[in-house]
């Protein structure tokens, strides 16, 4: 019994001793990702294409309740992998989506995806098809738009299934340049292997 108790205590001590190292290793990507966002993304978040598209959608979606948002999200999810996807194609055809596609293409592989969300967490524009339309229940929206202006949230590291590259998503609150008030957010996928 004493041997089992001793072994358990040693295991617990080892776990505690190595925990900070694991957290530090996982968080090593945060500073370089924030620097990349600061130097390469934040400058164009006040572009009239970005701000105008968010404001326009906020005016349309401000009155949506949870049931209406769920309906839109279910419609999107059903179409995301379907051959016939009018809703998805309409969003991808928007000026903002084309703007994001150009920025992604210009990053030479550093940016893996981008999408802009409105004040409800609904997609306004995107470089690639997302699996869902509503991001309002996720940290990428809650820890940016929900936290106020000037916030950058960097998520954990994931391996892209198709490319095997390590990536992380950075999300940023987008504010109205005239008022400073948050109007939406953007999520940018970063290829960590190129950082």
N, C-alpha and C. Protein backbone atom coordinates (compact mmCIF):
# COMPACT_ATOMS: atom_id res chain seq x y z
N UNK A 1 0.82 -1.20 0.00
CA UNK A 1 0.00 0.00 0.00
C UNK A 1 0.86 1.26 0.00
N UNK A 2 1.94 1.24 0.84
CA UNK A 2 2.83 2.40 0.89
C UNK A 2 3.51 2.63 -0.44
N UNK A 3 3.85 1.55 -1.15
CA UNK A 3 4.51 1.66 -2.44
C UNK A 3 3.59 2.34 -3.46
N UNK A 4 2.31 1.93 -3.47
CA UNK A 4 1.36 2.54 -4.39
C UNK A 4 1.16 4.02 -4.06
N UNK A 5 1.07 4.34 -2.78
CA UNK A 5 0.88 5.72 -2.34
C UNK A 5 2.09 6.56 -2.73
N UNK A 6 3.30 5.99 -2.53
CA UNK A 6 4.53 6.69 -2.88
C UNK A 6 4.60 6.92 -4.39
N UNK A 7 4.27 5.89 -5.17
CA UNK A 7 4.29 6.00 -6.63
C UNK A 7 3.30 7.06 -7.11
N UNK A 8 2.11 7.08 -6.50
CA UNK A 8 1.11 8.08 -6.87
C UNK A 8 1.60 9.49 -6.55
N UNK A 9 2.23 9.64 -5.41
CA UNK A 9 2.74 10.95 -5.00
C UNK A 9 3.84 11.41 -5.95
N UNK A 10 4.72 10.47 -6.34
CA UNK A 10 5.82 10.81 -7.25
C UNK A 10 5.26 11.21 -8.63
N UNK A 11 4.26 10.47 -9.09
CA UNK A 11 3.63 10.77 -10.38
C UNK A 11 2.98 12.15 -10.35
N UNK A 12 2.30 12.45 -9.27
CA UNK A 12 1.65 13.76 -9.12
C UNK A 12 2.69 14.87 -9.11
N UNK A 13 3.79 14.65 -8.37
CA UNK A 13 4.85 15.66 -8.30
C UNK A 13 5.49 15.88 -9.66
N UNK A 14 5.72 14.80 -10.39
CA UNK A 14 6.32 14.91 -11.73
C UNK A 14 5.39 15.65 -12.67
N UNK A 15 4.10 15.37 -12.57
CA UNK A 15 3.11 16.04 -13.42
C UNK A 15 3.12 17.53 -13.14
N UNK A 16 3.13 17.90 -11.88
CA UNK A 16 3.13 19.31 -11.50
C UNK A 16 4.43 19.98 -11.94
N UNK A 17 5.55 19.28 -11.79
CA UNK A 17 6.84 19.86 -12.15
C UNK A 17 6.95 20.13 -13.64
N UNK A 18 6.38 19.26 -14.46
CA UNK A 18 6.50 19.42 -15.91
C UNK A 18 5.36 20.22 -16.53
N UNK A 19 4.31 20.47 -15.79
CA UNK A 19 3.16 21.20 -16.33
C UNK A 19 3.54 22.58 -16.86
N UNK A 20 4.31 23.39 -16.11
CA UNK A 20 4.65 24.71 -16.63
C UNK A 20 5.43 24.65 -17.95
N UNK A 21 6.30 23.65 -18.09
CA UNK A 21 7.08 23.51 -19.31
C UNK A 21 6.16 23.24 -20.49
N UNK A 22 5.16 22.36 -20.29
CA UNK A 22 4.21 22.04 -21.33
C UNK A 22 3.42 23.28 -21.73
N UNK A 23 2.93 24.03 -20.76
CA UNK A 23 2.16 25.24 -21.05
C UNK A 23 3.03 26.24 -21.79
N UNK A 24 4.30 26.41 -21.35
CA UNK A 24 5.19 27.34 -22.03
C UNK A 24 5.46 26.91 -23.47
N UNK A 25 5.65 25.60 -23.68
CA UNK A 25 5.91 25.10 -25.03
C UNK A 25 4.70 25.33 -25.92
N UNK A 26 3.51 25.08 -25.40
CA UNK A 26 2.29 25.30 -26.18
C UNK A 26 2.10 26.77 -26.50
N UNK A 27 2.45 27.64 -25.56
CA UNK A 27 2.22 29.07 -25.75
C UNK A 27 3.35 29.78 -26.48
N UNK A 28 4.40 29.04 -26.87
CA UNK A 28 5.54 29.65 -27.55
C UNK A 28 5.12 30.29 -28.87
N UNK A 29 4.04 29.83 -29.47
CA UNK A 29 3.58 30.36 -30.75
C UNK A 29 2.83 31.68 -30.63
N UNK A 30 2.36 32.00 -29.43
CA UNK A 30 1.47 33.16 -29.26
C UNK A 30 2.15 34.47 -29.64
N UNK A 31 3.35 34.75 -29.12
CA UNK A 31 4.03 36.02 -29.40
C UNK A 31 4.33 36.19 -30.89
N UNK A 32 4.90 35.18 -31.58
CA UNK A 32 5.15 35.37 -33.01
C UNK A 32 3.87 35.53 -33.84
N UNK A 33 2.81 34.85 -33.44
CA UNK A 33 1.54 34.99 -34.16
C UNK A 33 1.00 36.41 -33.97
N UNK A 34 1.03 36.91 -32.74
CA UNK A 34 0.56 38.28 -32.49
C UNK A 34 1.39 39.29 -33.27
N UNK A 35 2.69 39.06 -33.35
CA UNK A 35 3.56 39.97 -34.10
C UNK A 35 3.20 39.94 -35.59
N UNK A 36 2.96 38.75 -36.12
CA UNK A 36 2.57 38.63 -37.53
C UNK A 36 1.27 39.40 -37.79
N UNK A 37 0.29 39.22 -36.91
CA UNK A 37 -1.00 39.91 -37.05
C UNK A 37 -0.78 41.42 -37.00
N UNK A 38 0.02 41.87 -36.05
CA UNK A 38 0.28 43.31 -35.89
C UNK A 38 0.94 43.89 -37.14
N UNK A 39 1.89 43.18 -37.72
CA UNK A 39 2.64 43.70 -38.85
C UNK A 39 1.96 43.48 -40.20
N UNK A 40 1.09 42.47 -40.31
CA UNK A 40 0.58 42.09 -41.62
C UNK A 40 -0.93 42.13 -41.80
N UNK A 41 -1.68 42.23 -40.72
CA UNK A 41 -3.14 42.16 -40.83
C UNK A 41 -3.84 43.41 -40.31
N UNK A 42 -3.45 43.86 -39.14
CA UNK A 42 -4.18 44.95 -38.48
C UNK A 42 -4.32 46.21 -39.33
N UNK A 43 -3.35 46.52 -40.16
CA UNK A 43 -3.39 47.75 -40.97
C UNK A 43 -4.58 47.78 -41.92
N UNK A 44 -4.99 46.63 -42.44
CA UNK A 44 -6.11 46.65 -43.39
C UNK A 44 -7.46 46.31 -42.76
N UNK A 45 -7.53 46.19 -41.45
CA UNK A 45 -8.82 45.92 -40.79
C UNK A 45 -9.71 47.16 -40.76
N UNK A 46 -9.15 48.32 -41.07
CA UNK A 46 -9.94 49.55 -41.15
C UNK A 46 -10.28 49.91 -42.60
N UNK A 47 -9.91 49.04 -43.53
CA UNK A 47 -10.21 49.27 -44.94
C UNK A 47 -11.73 49.41 -45.11
N UNK A 48 -12.18 50.35 -45.94
CA UNK A 48 -13.62 50.53 -46.14
C UNK A 48 -14.36 49.27 -46.59
N UNK A 49 -13.68 48.38 -47.31
CA UNK A 49 -14.31 47.12 -47.73
C UNK A 49 -14.67 46.28 -46.51
N UNK A 50 -13.77 46.22 -45.55
CA UNK A 50 -13.99 45.43 -44.33
C UNK A 50 -15.05 46.08 -43.45
N UNK A 51 -14.82 47.34 -43.11
CA UNK A 51 -15.72 48.06 -42.20
C UNK A 51 -17.12 48.20 -42.80
N UNK A 52 -17.19 48.56 -44.08
CA UNK A 52 -18.49 48.73 -44.74
C UNK A 52 -19.31 47.45 -44.77
N UNK A 53 -18.64 46.32 -45.06
CA UNK A 53 -19.35 45.04 -45.12
C UNK A 53 -19.89 44.63 -43.76
N UNK A 54 -19.10 44.85 -42.72
CA UNK A 54 -19.56 44.49 -41.37
C UNK A 54 -20.73 45.38 -40.96
N UNK A 55 -20.61 46.67 -41.17
CA UNK A 55 -21.70 47.58 -40.79
C UNK A 55 -22.99 47.26 -41.54
N UNK A 56 -22.86 46.95 -42.82
CA UNK A 56 -24.03 46.61 -43.63
C UNK A 56 -24.71 45.34 -43.08
N UNK A 57 -23.90 44.33 -42.77
CA UNK A 57 -24.49 43.10 -42.25
C UNK A 57 -25.05 43.30 -40.84
N UNK A 58 -24.37 44.09 -40.00
CA UNK A 58 -24.88 44.35 -38.66
C UNK A 58 -26.28 44.97 -38.72
N UNK A 59 -26.48 45.85 -39.70
CA UNK A 59 -27.81 46.48 -39.85
C UNK A 59 -28.86 45.43 -40.20
N UNK A 60 -28.47 44.42 -40.98
CA UNK A 60 -29.41 43.37 -41.39
C UNK A 60 -29.65 42.32 -40.31
N UNK A 61 -28.62 42.02 -39.51
CA UNK A 61 -28.73 40.91 -38.55
C UNK A 61 -29.00 41.35 -37.11
N UNK A 62 -29.05 42.63 -36.86
CA UNK A 62 -29.20 43.10 -35.47
C UNK A 62 -30.47 42.59 -34.79
N UNK A 63 -31.53 42.36 -35.56
CA UNK A 63 -32.79 41.91 -34.98
C UNK A 63 -32.96 40.40 -34.93
N UNK A 64 -31.96 39.64 -35.38
CA UNK A 64 -32.10 38.18 -35.38
C UNK A 64 -32.07 37.61 -33.97
N UNK A 65 -33.00 36.69 -33.71
CA UNK A 65 -32.98 36.00 -32.42
C UNK A 65 -32.24 34.67 -32.58
N UNK A 66 -32.13 33.93 -31.48
CA UNK A 66 -31.38 32.68 -31.47
C UNK A 66 -31.93 31.66 -32.47
N UNK A 67 -33.25 31.59 -32.59
CA UNK A 67 -33.87 30.64 -33.52
C UNK A 67 -33.51 30.97 -34.97
N UNK A 68 -33.52 32.25 -35.32
CA UNK A 68 -33.17 32.66 -36.68
C UNK A 68 -31.70 32.39 -36.98
N UNK A 69 -30.84 32.63 -35.99
CA UNK A 69 -29.41 32.35 -36.15
C UNK A 69 -29.18 30.85 -36.32
N UNK A 70 -29.83 30.05 -35.51
CA UNK A 70 -29.72 28.58 -35.63
C UNK A 70 -30.16 28.10 -37.01
N UNK A 71 -31.24 28.68 -37.52
CA UNK A 71 -31.75 28.30 -38.83
C UNK A 71 -30.72 28.60 -39.92
N UNK A 72 -30.12 29.80 -39.87
CA UNK A 72 -29.10 30.16 -40.84
C UNK A 72 -27.89 29.24 -40.74
N UNK A 73 -27.48 28.93 -39.51
CA UNK A 73 -26.32 28.07 -39.31
C UNK A 73 -26.58 26.66 -39.84
N UNK A 74 -27.78 26.13 -39.60
CA UNK A 74 -28.14 24.79 -40.10
C UNK A 74 -28.16 24.78 -41.62
N UNK A 75 -28.69 25.85 -42.22
CA UNK A 75 -28.72 25.95 -43.68
C UNK A 75 -27.30 25.95 -44.24
N UNK A 76 -26.42 26.72 -43.60
CA UNK A 76 -25.02 26.79 -44.02
C UNK A 76 -24.36 25.42 -43.92
N UNK A 77 -24.50 24.78 -42.76
CA UNK A 77 -23.86 23.47 -42.54
C UNK A 77 -24.31 22.44 -43.58
N UNK A 78 -25.59 22.48 -43.92
CA UNK A 78 -26.12 21.54 -44.91
C UNK A 78 -25.52 21.81 -46.30
N UNK A 79 -25.26 23.09 -46.59
CA UNK A 79 -24.74 23.45 -47.91
C UNK A 79 -23.22 23.38 -48.01
N UNK A 80 -22.52 23.48 -46.89
CA UNK A 80 -21.05 23.60 -46.90
C UNK A 80 -20.37 22.49 -47.70
N UNK A 81 -20.91 21.29 -47.65
CA UNK A 81 -20.29 20.17 -48.37
C UNK A 81 -21.17 19.66 -49.52
N UNK A 82 -22.27 20.34 -49.77
CA UNK A 82 -23.19 19.93 -50.84
C UNK A 82 -22.72 20.46 -52.20
N UNK A 83 -23.24 19.87 -53.27
CA UNK A 83 -22.88 20.37 -54.60
C UNK A 83 -23.66 21.65 -54.91
N UNK A 84 -24.87 21.75 -54.41
CA UNK A 84 -25.69 22.95 -54.60
C UNK A 84 -25.65 23.78 -53.33
N UNK A 85 -25.00 24.93 -53.37
CA UNK A 85 -24.84 25.75 -52.17
C UNK A 85 -25.02 27.23 -52.45
N UNK A 86 -26.25 27.65 -52.70
CA UNK A 86 -26.49 29.06 -53.03
C UNK A 86 -26.12 30.03 -51.90
N UNK A 87 -26.42 29.67 -50.66
CA UNK A 87 -26.11 30.55 -49.52
C UNK A 87 -24.59 30.71 -49.39
N UNK A 88 -23.87 29.61 -49.41
CA UNK A 88 -22.41 29.63 -49.29
C UNK A 88 -21.80 30.41 -50.46
N UNK A 89 -22.28 30.14 -51.66
CA UNK A 89 -21.74 30.83 -52.84
C UNK A 89 -22.01 32.33 -52.81
N UNK A 90 -23.16 32.73 -52.25
CA UNK A 90 -23.48 34.16 -52.14
C UNK A 90 -22.47 34.86 -51.24
N UNK A 91 -22.12 34.22 -50.12
CA UNK A 91 -21.15 34.82 -49.20
C UNK A 91 -19.76 34.85 -49.84
N UNK A 92 -19.38 33.79 -50.52
CA UNK A 92 -18.06 33.73 -51.18
C UNK A 92 -17.94 34.73 -52.33
N UNK A 93 -19.06 35.14 -52.90
CA UNK A 93 -19.05 36.09 -54.02
C UNK A 93 -19.00 37.55 -53.56
N UNK A 94 -19.14 37.79 -52.28
CA UNK A 94 -19.15 39.17 -51.77
C UNK A 94 -17.79 39.84 -51.97
N UNK A 95 -17.82 41.16 -52.05
CA UNK A 95 -16.59 41.94 -52.22
C UNK A 95 -15.61 41.66 -51.07
N UNK A 96 -16.12 41.55 -49.84
CA UNK A 96 -15.24 41.29 -48.70
C UNK A 96 -14.55 39.92 -48.84
N UNK A 97 -15.28 38.92 -49.28
CA UNK A 97 -14.67 37.59 -49.46
C UNK A 97 -13.56 37.65 -50.51
N UNK A 98 -13.81 38.36 -51.59
CA UNK A 98 -12.77 38.50 -52.63
C UNK A 98 -11.55 39.23 -52.07
N UNK A 99 -11.78 40.25 -51.25
CA UNK A 99 -10.71 41.01 -50.59
C UNK A 99 -9.88 40.06 -49.71
N UNK A 100 -10.56 39.21 -48.93
CA UNK A 100 -9.86 38.27 -48.05
C UNK A 100 -9.09 37.22 -48.86
N UNK A 101 -9.67 36.75 -49.96
CA UNK A 101 -8.98 35.78 -50.82
C UNK A 101 -7.68 36.39 -51.38
N UNK A 102 -7.74 37.66 -51.78
CA UNK A 102 -6.55 38.34 -52.30
C UNK A 102 -5.48 38.46 -51.22
N UNK A 103 -5.89 38.81 -50.01
CA UNK A 103 -4.93 38.93 -48.90
C UNK A 103 -4.31 37.58 -48.58
N UNK A 104 -5.13 36.54 -48.59
CA UNK A 104 -4.61 35.18 -48.34
C UNK A 104 -3.61 34.78 -49.43
N UNK A 105 -4.00 34.97 -50.68
CA UNK A 105 -3.12 34.63 -51.80
C UNK A 105 -1.80 35.40 -51.74
N UNK A 106 -1.87 36.65 -51.31
CA UNK A 106 -0.68 37.49 -51.21
C UNK A 106 0.25 37.12 -50.06
N UNK A 107 -0.23 36.26 -49.16
CA UNK A 107 0.59 35.89 -47.99
C UNK A 107 1.57 34.77 -48.30
N UNK A 108 1.54 34.23 -49.51
CA UNK A 108 2.45 33.18 -49.97
C UNK A 108 2.42 31.94 -49.06
N UNK A 109 1.23 31.57 -48.63
CA UNK A 109 1.06 30.36 -47.83
C UNK A 109 1.09 30.56 -46.32
N UNK A 110 1.42 31.76 -45.87
CA UNK A 110 1.47 32.04 -44.43
C UNK A 110 0.07 32.03 -43.82
N UNK A 111 -0.90 32.59 -44.55
CA UNK A 111 -2.29 32.60 -44.09
C UNK A 111 -3.02 31.43 -44.73
N UNK A 112 -3.64 30.59 -43.90
CA UNK A 112 -4.32 29.40 -44.40
C UNK A 112 -5.80 29.64 -44.65
N UNK A 113 -6.39 30.58 -43.93
CA UNK A 113 -7.80 30.91 -44.09
C UNK A 113 -8.09 32.21 -43.35
N UNK A 114 -9.19 32.86 -43.73
CA UNK A 114 -9.64 34.06 -43.02
C UNK A 114 -11.15 34.16 -43.13
N UNK A 115 -11.77 34.62 -42.06
CA UNK A 115 -13.19 34.95 -42.14
C UNK A 115 -13.49 36.07 -41.16
N UNK A 116 -14.41 36.93 -41.59
CA UNK A 116 -14.83 38.10 -40.80
C UNK A 116 -16.23 37.83 -40.27
N UNK A 117 -16.44 38.18 -38.99
CA UNK A 117 -17.73 37.96 -38.32
C UNK A 117 -18.35 39.29 -37.94
N UNK A 118 -19.68 39.31 -37.86
CA UNK A 118 -20.41 40.52 -37.48
C UNK A 118 -20.62 40.56 -35.96
N UNK A 119 -21.47 41.47 -35.53
CA UNK A 119 -21.73 41.65 -34.09
C UNK A 119 -22.50 40.50 -33.46
N UNK A 120 -23.04 39.60 -34.28
CA UNK A 120 -23.74 38.42 -33.78
C UNK A 120 -22.85 37.17 -33.85
N UNK A 121 -21.69 37.31 -34.49
CA UNK A 121 -20.81 36.16 -34.68
C UNK A 121 -21.09 35.42 -35.96
N UNK A 122 -21.86 36.03 -36.87
CA UNK A 122 -22.17 35.42 -38.17
C UNK A 122 -21.12 35.83 -39.20
N UNK A 123 -20.79 34.92 -40.11
CA UNK A 123 -19.81 35.22 -41.15
C UNK A 123 -20.31 36.35 -42.06
N UNK A 124 -19.40 37.28 -42.33
CA UNK A 124 -19.69 38.37 -43.25
C UNK A 124 -18.98 38.11 -44.58
N UNK A 125 -17.77 37.60 -44.50
CA UNK A 125 -16.98 37.27 -45.67
C UNK A 125 -15.90 36.29 -45.26
N UNK A 126 -15.36 35.55 -46.25
CA UNK A 126 -14.36 34.54 -45.93
C UNK A 126 -13.55 34.17 -47.15
N UNK A 127 -12.33 33.70 -46.89
CA UNK A 127 -11.46 33.29 -47.99
C UNK A 127 -11.76 31.87 -48.43
N UNK A 128 -12.27 31.06 -47.53
CA UNK A 128 -12.56 29.64 -47.78
C UNK A 128 -13.88 29.29 -47.10
N UNK A 129 -14.48 28.20 -47.52
CA UNK A 129 -15.74 27.76 -46.91
C UNK A 129 -15.47 27.27 -45.48
N UNK A 130 -16.20 27.82 -44.53
CA UNK A 130 -16.10 27.37 -43.14
C UNK A 130 -17.15 26.28 -42.91
N UNK A 131 -16.92 25.47 -41.89
CA UNK A 131 -17.87 24.38 -41.61
C UNK A 131 -19.19 24.90 -41.05
N UNK A 132 -19.13 26.07 -40.38
CA UNK A 132 -20.36 26.66 -39.86
C UNK A 132 -20.42 28.15 -40.17
N UNK A 133 -21.60 28.71 -40.05
CA UNK A 133 -21.85 30.11 -40.37
C UNK A 133 -21.82 30.99 -39.13
N UNK A 134 -22.19 30.40 -38.00
CA UNK A 134 -22.25 31.15 -36.75
C UNK A 134 -21.06 30.79 -35.86
N UNK A 135 -20.25 31.80 -35.52
CA UNK A 135 -19.08 31.61 -34.67
C UNK A 135 -19.31 32.17 -33.26
N UNK A 136 -20.51 32.69 -33.02
CA UNK A 136 -20.80 33.38 -31.76
C UNK A 136 -20.71 32.52 -30.51
N UNK A 137 -20.71 31.20 -30.69
CA UNK A 137 -20.59 30.30 -29.54
C UNK A 137 -19.15 29.83 -29.34
N UNK A 138 -18.21 30.42 -30.08
CA UNK A 138 -16.82 29.99 -30.02
C UNK A 138 -15.91 31.08 -29.48
N UNK A 139 -14.76 30.66 -28.93
CA UNK A 139 -13.80 31.58 -28.32
C UNK A 139 -13.31 32.63 -29.31
N UNK A 140 -13.19 32.28 -30.58
CA UNK A 140 -12.67 33.22 -31.59
C UNK A 140 -13.52 34.50 -31.66
N UNK A 141 -14.79 34.41 -31.35
CA UNK A 141 -15.67 35.58 -31.34
C UNK A 141 -15.85 36.11 -29.93
N UNK A 142 -16.06 35.21 -28.97
CA UNK A 142 -16.32 35.61 -27.59
C UNK A 142 -15.13 36.33 -26.96
N UNK A 143 -13.90 35.90 -27.30
CA UNK A 143 -12.71 36.49 -26.69
C UNK A 143 -12.15 37.66 -27.48
N UNK A 144 -12.88 38.09 -28.51
CA UNK A 144 -12.47 39.27 -29.27
C UNK A 144 -13.60 40.29 -29.24
N UNK A 145 -14.58 40.14 -30.12
CA UNK A 145 -15.70 41.07 -30.13
C UNK A 145 -16.33 41.16 -28.74
N UNK A 146 -16.53 40.02 -28.10
CA UNK A 146 -17.14 39.99 -26.77
C UNK A 146 -16.29 40.62 -25.68
N UNK A 147 -14.98 40.79 -25.95
CA UNK A 147 -14.06 41.34 -24.95
C UNK A 147 -13.76 42.82 -25.17
N UNK A 148 -14.13 43.36 -26.33
CA UNK A 148 -13.94 44.78 -26.57
C UNK A 148 -12.89 45.10 -27.61
N UNK A 149 -12.62 46.41 -27.82
CA UNK A 149 -11.68 46.84 -28.85
C UNK A 149 -10.23 46.49 -28.53
N UNK A 150 -9.43 46.32 -29.58
CA UNK A 150 -7.99 46.11 -29.41
C UNK A 150 -7.57 44.74 -28.93
N UNK A 151 -8.47 43.77 -28.94
CA UNK A 151 -8.15 42.44 -28.40
C UNK A 151 -7.67 41.51 -29.51
N UNK A 152 -6.59 40.77 -29.22
CA UNK A 152 -6.09 39.72 -30.10
C UNK A 152 -6.08 38.43 -29.29
N UNK A 153 -6.76 37.42 -29.79
CA UNK A 153 -6.82 36.11 -29.13
C UNK A 153 -6.15 35.09 -30.04
N UNK A 154 -5.15 34.39 -29.51
CA UNK A 154 -4.46 33.35 -30.27
C UNK A 154 -4.84 32.00 -29.69
N UNK A 155 -5.40 31.16 -30.54
CA UNK A 155 -5.86 29.83 -30.13
C UNK A 155 -4.69 28.85 -30.10
N UNK A 156 -4.97 27.62 -29.71
CA UNK A 156 -3.95 26.58 -29.62
C UNK A 156 -3.42 26.16 -30.98
N UNK A 157 -2.44 25.27 -30.95
CA UNK A 157 -1.81 24.75 -32.16
C UNK A 157 -2.55 23.50 -32.61
N UNK A 158 -2.81 23.41 -33.91
CA UNK A 158 -3.47 22.24 -34.49
C UNK A 158 -2.71 21.81 -35.73
N UNK A 159 -2.83 20.54 -36.08
CA UNK A 159 -2.23 20.07 -37.32
C UNK A 159 -3.31 20.02 -38.39
N UNK A 160 -3.05 20.67 -39.53
CA UNK A 160 -3.98 20.64 -40.65
C UNK A 160 -3.99 19.24 -41.23
N UNK A 161 -5.18 18.65 -41.31
CA UNK A 161 -5.30 17.27 -41.77
C UNK A 161 -4.82 17.09 -43.21
N UNK A 162 -5.09 18.05 -44.07
CA UNK A 162 -4.74 17.88 -45.47
C UNK A 162 -3.27 18.19 -45.75
N UNK A 163 -2.71 19.21 -45.09
CA UNK A 163 -1.33 19.61 -45.38
C UNK A 163 -0.32 19.10 -44.37
N UNK A 164 -0.79 18.63 -43.22
CA UNK A 164 0.07 18.19 -42.11
C UNK A 164 0.87 19.35 -41.50
N UNK A 165 0.57 20.57 -41.88
CA UNK A 165 1.26 21.73 -41.34
C UNK A 165 0.66 22.12 -40.00
N UNK A 166 1.49 22.64 -39.10
CA UNK A 166 1.00 23.15 -37.83
C UNK A 166 0.42 24.54 -38.05
N UNK A 167 -0.74 24.78 -37.47
CA UNK A 167 -1.35 26.09 -37.62
C UNK A 167 -2.04 26.51 -36.34
N UNK A 168 -2.30 27.81 -36.25
CA UNK A 168 -3.04 28.38 -35.13
C UNK A 168 -3.94 29.47 -35.69
N UNK A 169 -5.06 29.69 -35.04
CA UNK A 169 -5.94 30.77 -35.45
C UNK A 169 -5.77 31.96 -34.52
N UNK A 170 -5.61 33.13 -35.12
CA UNK A 170 -5.56 34.37 -34.36
C UNK A 170 -6.83 35.15 -34.69
N UNK A 171 -7.50 35.63 -33.67
CA UNK A 171 -8.73 36.39 -33.86
C UNK A 171 -8.55 37.78 -33.28
N UNK A 172 -9.11 38.78 -33.97
CA UNK A 172 -8.91 40.18 -33.61
C UNK A 172 -10.25 40.90 -33.64
N UNK A 173 -10.50 41.72 -32.65
CA UNK A 173 -11.68 42.59 -32.67
C UNK A 173 -11.52 43.62 -33.77
N UNK A 174 -12.57 43.84 -34.54
CA UNK A 174 -12.57 44.90 -35.55
C UNK A 174 -13.47 46.02 -35.04
N UNK A 175 -12.90 47.23 -34.98
CA UNK A 175 -13.64 48.39 -34.47
C UNK A 175 -13.91 49.38 -35.58
N UNK A 176 -14.97 50.14 -35.41
CA UNK A 176 -15.31 51.22 -36.33
C UNK A 176 -14.23 52.30 -36.18
N UNK A 177 -13.51 52.65 -37.26
CA UNK A 177 -12.44 53.64 -37.15
C UNK A 177 -12.94 55.02 -36.71
N UNK A 178 -14.22 55.30 -36.95
CA UNK A 178 -14.76 56.61 -36.59
C UNK A 178 -15.12 56.71 -35.12
N UNK A 179 -15.64 55.61 -34.54
CA UNK A 179 -16.12 55.66 -33.16
C UNK A 179 -15.25 54.87 -32.18
N UNK A 180 -14.46 53.93 -32.70
CA UNK A 180 -13.66 53.07 -31.82
C UNK A 180 -14.45 51.92 -31.23
N UNK A 181 -15.75 51.85 -31.55
CA UNK A 181 -16.61 50.79 -31.01
C UNK A 181 -16.42 49.50 -31.79
N UNK A 182 -16.39 48.35 -31.08
CA UNK A 182 -16.30 47.07 -31.78
C UNK A 182 -17.52 46.84 -32.67
N UNK A 183 -17.27 46.35 -33.89
CA UNK A 183 -18.37 46.05 -34.81
C UNK A 183 -18.35 44.58 -35.25
N UNK A 184 -17.22 43.91 -35.06
CA UNK A 184 -17.09 42.52 -35.47
C UNK A 184 -15.73 41.98 -35.11
N UNK A 185 -15.33 40.92 -35.79
CA UNK A 185 -14.03 40.30 -35.53
C UNK A 185 -13.57 39.56 -36.77
N UNK A 186 -12.27 39.25 -36.80
CA UNK A 186 -11.71 38.45 -37.89
C UNK A 186 -10.92 37.29 -37.27
N UNK A 187 -10.96 36.16 -37.92
CA UNK A 187 -10.11 35.03 -37.56
C UNK A 187 -9.19 34.75 -38.74
N UNK A 188 -7.90 34.61 -38.42
CA UNK A 188 -6.88 34.37 -39.44
C UNK A 188 -6.13 33.09 -39.06
N UNK A 189 -6.13 32.11 -39.96
CA UNK A 189 -5.35 30.90 -39.75
C UNK A 189 -3.92 31.16 -40.18
N UNK A 190 -2.97 30.83 -39.30
CA UNK A 190 -1.54 31.09 -39.55
C UNK A 190 -0.80 29.76 -39.67
N UNK A 191 -0.03 29.59 -40.73
CA UNK A 191 0.81 28.41 -40.91
C UNK A 191 2.06 28.59 -40.05
N UNK A 192 2.11 27.88 -38.92
CA UNK A 192 3.20 28.05 -37.97
C UNK A 192 4.53 27.53 -38.52
N UNK A 193 4.47 26.61 -39.45
CA UNK A 193 5.71 26.08 -40.04
C UNK A 193 6.44 27.14 -40.86
N UNK A 194 5.73 28.19 -41.25
CA UNK A 194 6.35 29.26 -42.04
C UNK A 194 6.68 30.49 -41.19
N UNK A 195 6.28 30.48 -39.93
CA UNK A 195 6.45 31.66 -39.06
C UNK A 195 7.88 31.80 -38.62
